[in-house]
Amino acid sequence: MTQALRWQKSTFSDGGEGNTCVELATAPDALHLRESDTPTTLLTTAPAPVAHLLHGIKTGKFG
């Protein structure tokens, strides 16, 4: 049985009404991202690549 994903809005969303944010849902071995205005389009990845991306951003690797 597939369990429904629990979506969380980004804290960087503008707080307005409607579809103005990025949402995240987690599963045991995956992260799912979507935009509120296109909820059927998902980006799915594993946690490790996201951790590497965040580390690169925090350490200035991309700046």
C-alpha atoms as a PDB file:
ATOM      1  CA  MET A   1       0.000   0.000   0.000  1.00  0.00           C
ATOM      2  CA  THR A   2       1.330   3.465  -0.898  1.00  0.00           C
ATOM      3  CA  GLN A   3       1.123   6.035   1.863  1.00  0.00           C
ATOM      4  CA  ALA A   4       0.109   9.587   0.946  1.00  0.00           C
ATOM      5  CA  LEU A   5       2.887  12.156   1.088  1.00  0.00           C
ATOM      6  CA  ARG A   6       2.685  14.910   3.704  1.00  0.00           C
ATOM      7  CA  TRP A   7       3.668  18.163   2.017  1.00  0.00           C
ATOM      8  CA  GLN A   8       5.325  21.029   3.883  1.00  0.00           C
ATOM      9  CA  LYS A   9       5.592  24.589   2.585  1.00  0.00           C
ATOM     10  CA  SER A  10       8.941  26.339   2.476  1.00  0.00           C
ATOM     11  CA  THR A  11       9.598  28.893   5.211  1.00  0.00           C
ATOM     12  CA  PHE A  12      10.778  31.182   2.397  1.00  0.00           C
ATOM     13  CA  SER A  13       7.300  31.285   0.844  1.00  0.00           C
ATOM     14  CA  ASP A  14       5.820  34.755   0.803  1.00  0.00           C
ATOM     15  CA  GLY A  15       2.977  33.757   3.105  1.00  0.00           C
ATOM     16  CA  GLY A  16       0.347  34.943   0.672  1.00  0.00           C
ATOM     17  CA  GLU A  17      -2.764  33.148  -0.337  1.00  0.00           C
ATOM     18  CA  GLY A  18      -2.794  30.741  -3.235  1.00  0.00           C
ATOM     19  CA  ASN A  19      -0.099  28.848  -5.032  1.00  0.00           C
ATOM     20  CA  THR A  20       3.060  30.800  -4.269  1.00  0.00           C
ATOM     21  CA  CYS A  21       5.482  28.366  -2.707  1.00  0.00           C
ATOM     22  CA  VAL A  22       7.773  25.371  -2.940  1.00  0.00           C
ATOM     23  CA  GLU A  23       6.700  22.293  -1.007  1.00  0.00           C
ATOM     24  CA  LEU A  24       8.702  19.326   0.314  1.00  0.00           C
ATOM     25  CA  ALA A  25       7.652  15.804   1.280  1.00  0.00           C
ATOM     26  CA  THR A  26       9.876  13.053   2.595  1.00  0.00           C
ATOM     27  CA  ALA A  27       9.752   9.304   2.241  1.00  0.00           C
ATOM     28  CA  PRO A  28      12.155   6.750   3.759  1.00  0.00           C
ATOM     29  CA  ASP A  29      14.644   6.915   0.866  1.00  0.00           C
ATOM     30  CA  ALA A  30      13.507   9.957  -1.124  1.00  0.00           C
ATOM     31  CA  LEU A  31      12.781  13.670  -1.054  1.00  0.00           C
ATOM     32  CA  HIS A  32       9.997  15.094  -3.190  1.00  0.00           C
ATOM     33  CA  LEU A  33       9.757  18.733  -4.271  1.00  0.00           C
ATOM     34  CA  ARG A  34       6.970  20.534  -6.094  1.00  0.00           C
ATOM     35  CA  GLU A  35       5.645  24.009  -6.749  1.00  0.00           C
ATOM     36  CA  SER A  36       2.183  24.764  -5.422  1.00  0.00           C
ATOM     37  CA  ASP A  37       0.970  26.015  -8.796  1.00  0.00           C
ATOM     38  CA  THR A  38       1.867  22.667 -10.478  1.00  0.00           C
ATOM     39  CA  PRO A  39       1.317  20.048  -7.749  1.00  0.00           C
ATOM     40  CA  THR A  40       1.310  17.089 -10.147  1.00  0.00           C
ATOM     41  CA  THR A  41       4.865  17.837 -11.331  1.00  0.00           C
ATOM     42  CA  LEU A  42       7.335  16.350  -8.847  1.00  0.00           C
ATOM     43  CA  LEU A  43      11.087  16.364  -8.549  1.00  0.00           C
ATOM     44  CA  THR A  44      12.257  13.279  -6.656  1.00  0.00           C
ATOM     45  CA  THR A  45      15.785  12.693  -5.405  1.00  0.00           C
ATOM     46  CA  ALA A  46      17.710  10.866  -2.689  1.00  0.00           C
ATOM     47  CA  PRO A  47      18.761  12.683   0.508  1.00  0.00           C
ATOM     48  CA  ALA A  48      22.538  12.505  -0.199  1.00  0.00           C
ATOM     49  CA  PRO A  49      22.567  14.729  -3.333  1.00  0.00           C
ATOM     50  CA  VAL A  50      20.472  17.341  -1.541  1.00  0.00           C
ATOM     51  CA  ALA A  51      22.840  17.259   1.450  1.00  0.00           C
ATOM     52  CA  HIS A  52      25.808  17.794  -0.896  1.00  0.00           C
ATOM     53  CA  LEU A  53      24.037  20.685  -2.618  1.00  0.00           C
ATOM     54  CA  LEU A  54      23.193  22.367   0.692  1.00  0.00           C
ATOM     55  CA  HIS A  55      26.765  21.894   1.923  1.00  0.00           C
ATOM     56  CA  GLY A  56      28.089  23.519  -1.247  1.00  0.00           C
ATOM     57  CA  ILE A  57      25.730  26.462  -0.847  1.00  0.00           C
ATOM     58  CA  LYS A  58      26.620  26.949   2.833  1.00  0.00           C
ATOM     59  CA  THR A  59      30.370  26.810   2.195  1.00  0.00           C
ATOM     60  CA  GLY A  60      30.260  29.199  -0.768  1.00  0.00           C
ATOM     61  CA  LYS A  61      31.321  26.622  -3.353  1.00  0.00           C
ATOM     62  CA  PHE A  62      28.891  28.075  -5.918  1.00  0.00           C
ATOM     63  CA  GLY A  63      29.566  31.765  -5.266  1.00  0.00           C
END
